[in-house]
Amino acid sequence: MRNAARPIRSSSTTTEVSERLIEAMEHLLGGTRETWGRVLLADDDPGFPAVVRRLLQGWGHQVDVVRSGAECLEHLRERGEEVRLLLLDLMMPGTNGYDVLREMKALPRTRQPPVLVVTAYAQPEDLRERMALISGGAVSLMTKEEALTDPELLFSRILPHRRAA
């Protein structure tokens, strides 16, 4: 049985969190550095993408970060066939994550990657939002806190979507 990664306290700094996530990632992969597909991360918060980008790059992914739903849709229109997985925040100003999910349906199928919703909120607020997630291609939902404190959970949600680039 594997040793568990050291727990991450909520009072940890971003640097401490990054170092522990990388440590956990190396533990999970046994130090293997392979080249995997491109991940698109859409989040308006600068802190979360910085940590997760480093983690995903450590797992061998190429990572593109966009700061809005509009940028996310533009990226998918231009380079969507390269994206293996979209990590999508729901609450962004302007075009939010729900809008992205709805508008993705109009894109060619090759530009509609699986979507892992990573948000500050544990559950969608109402039935309409839940249906938007289900019909919009969201394959899983997790909170940012879960992603930062439990890298094994994040890895398990990403693993089914890993394909060699």
Protein backbone atom coordinates (compact mmCIF):
# COMPACT_ATOMS: atom_id res chain seq x y z
CA MET A 1 0.00 0.00 0.00
CA ARG A 2 1.26 3.49 -0.86
CA ASN A 3 2.21 6.01 1.76
CA ALA A 4 -0.26 8.85 1.87
CA ALA A 5 0.92 12.30 0.91
CA ARG A 6 1.39 14.74 3.77
CA PRO A 7 -1.83 16.61 4.47
CA ILE A 8 -2.06 20.23 3.38
CA ARG A 9 -3.31 22.66 6.01
CA SER A 10 -5.69 25.39 4.96
CA SER A 11 -3.21 27.91 6.39
CA SER A 12 -0.45 26.72 4.03
CA THR A 13 1.08 29.23 1.64
CA THR A 14 0.81 28.78 -2.13
CA THR A 15 4.49 27.77 -2.23
CA GLU A 16 3.96 25.13 0.48
CA VAL A 17 0.90 23.82 -1.33
CA SER A 18 2.79 23.67 -4.64
CA GLU A 19 5.71 21.81 -3.09
CA ARG A 20 3.44 19.29 -1.41
CA LEU A 21 1.38 18.77 -4.56
CA ILE A 22 4.53 18.12 -6.59
CA GLU A 23 5.76 15.75 -3.88
CA ALA A 24 2.44 13.89 -3.98
CA MET A 25 2.50 13.82 -7.78
CA GLU A 26 5.97 12.30 -7.83
CA HIS A 27 4.81 9.75 -5.29
CA LEU A 28 1.82 8.83 -7.47
CA LEU A 29 3.81 8.53 -10.69
CA GLY A 30 7.00 7.15 -9.21
CA GLY A 31 8.94 9.98 -10.83
CA THR A 32 7.81 9.02 -14.36
CA ARG A 33 7.86 11.94 -16.77
CA GLU A 34 5.89 11.15 -19.89
CA THR A 35 4.41 13.54 -22.41
CA TRP A 36 0.64 13.59 -22.20
CA GLY A 37 -1.96 15.72 -23.86
CA ARG A 38 -2.77 19.38 -23.53
CA VAL A 39 -4.98 20.58 -20.68
CA LEU A 40 -6.87 23.85 -20.88
CA LEU A 41 -7.49 25.53 -17.51
CA ALA A 42 -10.11 28.29 -17.45
CA ASP A 43 -10.13 30.27 -14.19
CA ASP A 44 -10.13 33.99 -13.40
CA ASP A 45 -8.34 33.47 -10.06
CA PRO A 46 -4.56 33.77 -10.63
CA GLY A 47 -3.54 31.70 -7.58
CA PHE A 48 -5.30 28.43 -8.30
CA PRO A 49 -4.12 28.08 -11.92
CA ALA A 50 -0.50 28.78 -10.89
CA VAL A 51 -0.49 25.84 -8.48
CA VAL A 52 -2.44 23.45 -10.69
CA ARG A 53 -0.41 24.35 -13.79
CA ARG A 54 2.78 23.37 -12.00
CA LEU A 55 1.20 20.13 -10.82
CA LEU A 56 -0.12 19.19 -14.26
CA GLN A 57 3.15 20.05 -15.97
CA GLY A 58 4.85 17.78 -13.44
CA TRP A 59 2.50 15.02 -14.58
CA GLY A 60 3.65 15.60 -18.16
CA HIS A 61 0.77 17.71 -19.47
CA GLN A 62 1.09 20.82 -21.56
CA VAL A 63 -1.10 23.42 -19.88
CA ASP A 64 -2.77 26.49 -21.34
CA VAL A 65 -4.40 28.91 -18.90
CA VAL A 66 -7.14 31.33 -19.88
CA ARG A 67 -8.72 33.87 -17.53
CA SER A 68 -12.29 34.03 -18.82
CA GLY A 69 -15.05 32.02 -20.42
CA ALA A 70 -14.74 34.07 -23.59
CA GLU A 71 -11.01 33.27 -23.83
CA CYS A 72 -11.80 29.61 -23.18
CA LEU A 73 -14.25 29.45 -26.07
CA GLU A 74 -11.83 31.28 -28.37
CA HIS A 75 -9.08 28.81 -27.46
CA LEU A 76 -11.39 25.85 -28.14
CA ARG A 77 -12.41 27.29 -31.50
CA GLU A 78 -8.77 27.80 -32.53
CA ARG A 79 -7.01 24.84 -30.89
CA GLY A 80 -9.73 22.65 -29.40
CA GLU A 81 -8.67 19.49 -31.19
CA GLU A 82 -5.38 19.62 -29.23
CA VAL A 83 -7.10 19.84 -25.84
CA ARG A 84 -7.47 16.49 -24.04
CA LEU A 85 -9.22 17.89 -20.96
CA LEU A 86 -10.77 21.20 -19.91
CA LEU A 87 -10.55 22.22 -16.24
CA LEU A 88 -13.32 24.77 -15.94
CA ASP A 89 -14.23 27.19 -13.16
CA LEU A 90 -17.93 27.99 -13.06
CA MET A 91 -17.84 31.46 -11.52
CA MET A 92 -16.02 33.85 -13.83
CA PRO A 93 -17.09 37.39 -14.74
CA GLY A 94 -18.75 37.87 -18.09
CA THR A 95 -18.95 34.53 -19.86
CA ASN A 96 -19.04 32.07 -16.96
CA GLY A 97 -18.48 28.32 -16.90
CA TYR A 98 -22.15 27.51 -17.49
CA ASP A 99 -22.07 29.71 -20.60
CA VAL A 100 -18.95 27.89 -21.80
CA LEU A 101 -20.66 24.52 -21.38
CA ARG A 102 -23.71 25.69 -23.33
CA GLU A 103 -21.69 27.30 -26.13
CA MET A 104 -19.32 24.34 -26.45
CA LYS A 105 -22.21 22.30 -27.88
CA ALA A 106 -22.09 24.45 -31.04
CA LEU A 107 -18.43 23.57 -31.64
CA PRO A 108 -17.37 20.65 -33.82
CA ARG A 109 -17.16 17.43 -31.75
CA THR A 110 -13.37 17.36 -32.14
CA ARG A 111 -13.20 20.67 -30.25
CA GLN A 112 -15.30 19.52 -27.28
CA PRO A 113 -12.93 17.96 -24.75
CA PRO A 114 -14.19 16.27 -21.58
CA VAL A 115 -14.76 18.85 -18.83
CA LEU A 116 -13.68 18.57 -15.22
CA VAL A 117 -15.41 21.35 -13.32
CA VAL A 118 -13.14 22.71 -10.60
CA THR A 119 -14.93 25.39 -8.64
CA ALA A 120 -15.06 27.02 -5.24
CA TYR A 121 -18.65 25.81 -4.79
CA ALA A 122 -19.40 22.22 -3.85
CA GLN A 123 -22.74 21.91 -5.65
CA PRO A 124 -24.60 23.80 -8.36
CA GLU A 125 -27.22 26.09 -6.82
CA ASP A 126 -30.32 24.91 -8.67
CA LEU A 127 -31.68 22.25 -10.99
CA ARG A 128 -31.09 24.41 -14.09
CA GLU A 129 -27.38 24.66 -13.24
CA ARG A 130 -27.13 20.91 -12.59
CA MET A 131 -28.72 20.18 -15.94
CA ALA A 132 -26.31 22.59 -17.64
CA LEU A 133 -23.40 20.63 -16.19
CA ILE A 134 -24.77 17.26 -17.20
CA SER A 135 -25.82 18.27 -20.72
CA GLY A 136 -22.74 20.43 -21.25
CA GLY A 137 -20.21 17.64 -21.10
CA ALA A 138 -18.98 17.90 -17.53
CA VAL A 139 -17.52 14.50 -16.65
CA SER A 140 -16.79 15.33 -13.03
CA LEU A 141 -17.01 18.11 -10.46
CA MET A 142 -14.67 18.87 -7.59
CA THR A 143 -13.97 21.87 -5.42
CA LYS A 144 -10.75 23.85 -5.62
CA GLU A 145 -10.12 22.94 -1.99
CA GLU A 146 -10.33 19.23 -2.86
CA ALA A 147 -7.93 19.72 -5.76
CA LEU A 148 -5.40 21.55 -3.60
CA THR A 149 -5.63 19.33 -0.52
CA ASP A 150 -6.01 15.92 -2.16
CA PRO A 151 -3.80 15.59 -5.24
CA GLU A 152 -4.59 11.87 -5.44
CA LEU A 153 -8.26 12.74 -5.99
CA LEU A 154 -7.33 15.27 -8.69
CA PHE A 155 -5.06 12.71 -10.32
CA SER A 156 -7.83 10.07 -10.24
CA ARG A 157 -10.22 12.48 -11.99
CA ILE A 158 -7.66 13.34 -14.68
CA LEU A 159 -6.28 9.84 -15.25
CA PRO A 160 -9.17 8.50 -17.39
CA HIS A 161 -8.64 11.38 -19.84
CA ARG A 162 -4.90 11.00 -20.29
CA ARG A 163 -3.89 10.09 -23.81
CA ALA A 164 -0.49 10.36 -25.31
CA ALA A 165 -0.01 13.61 -27.19
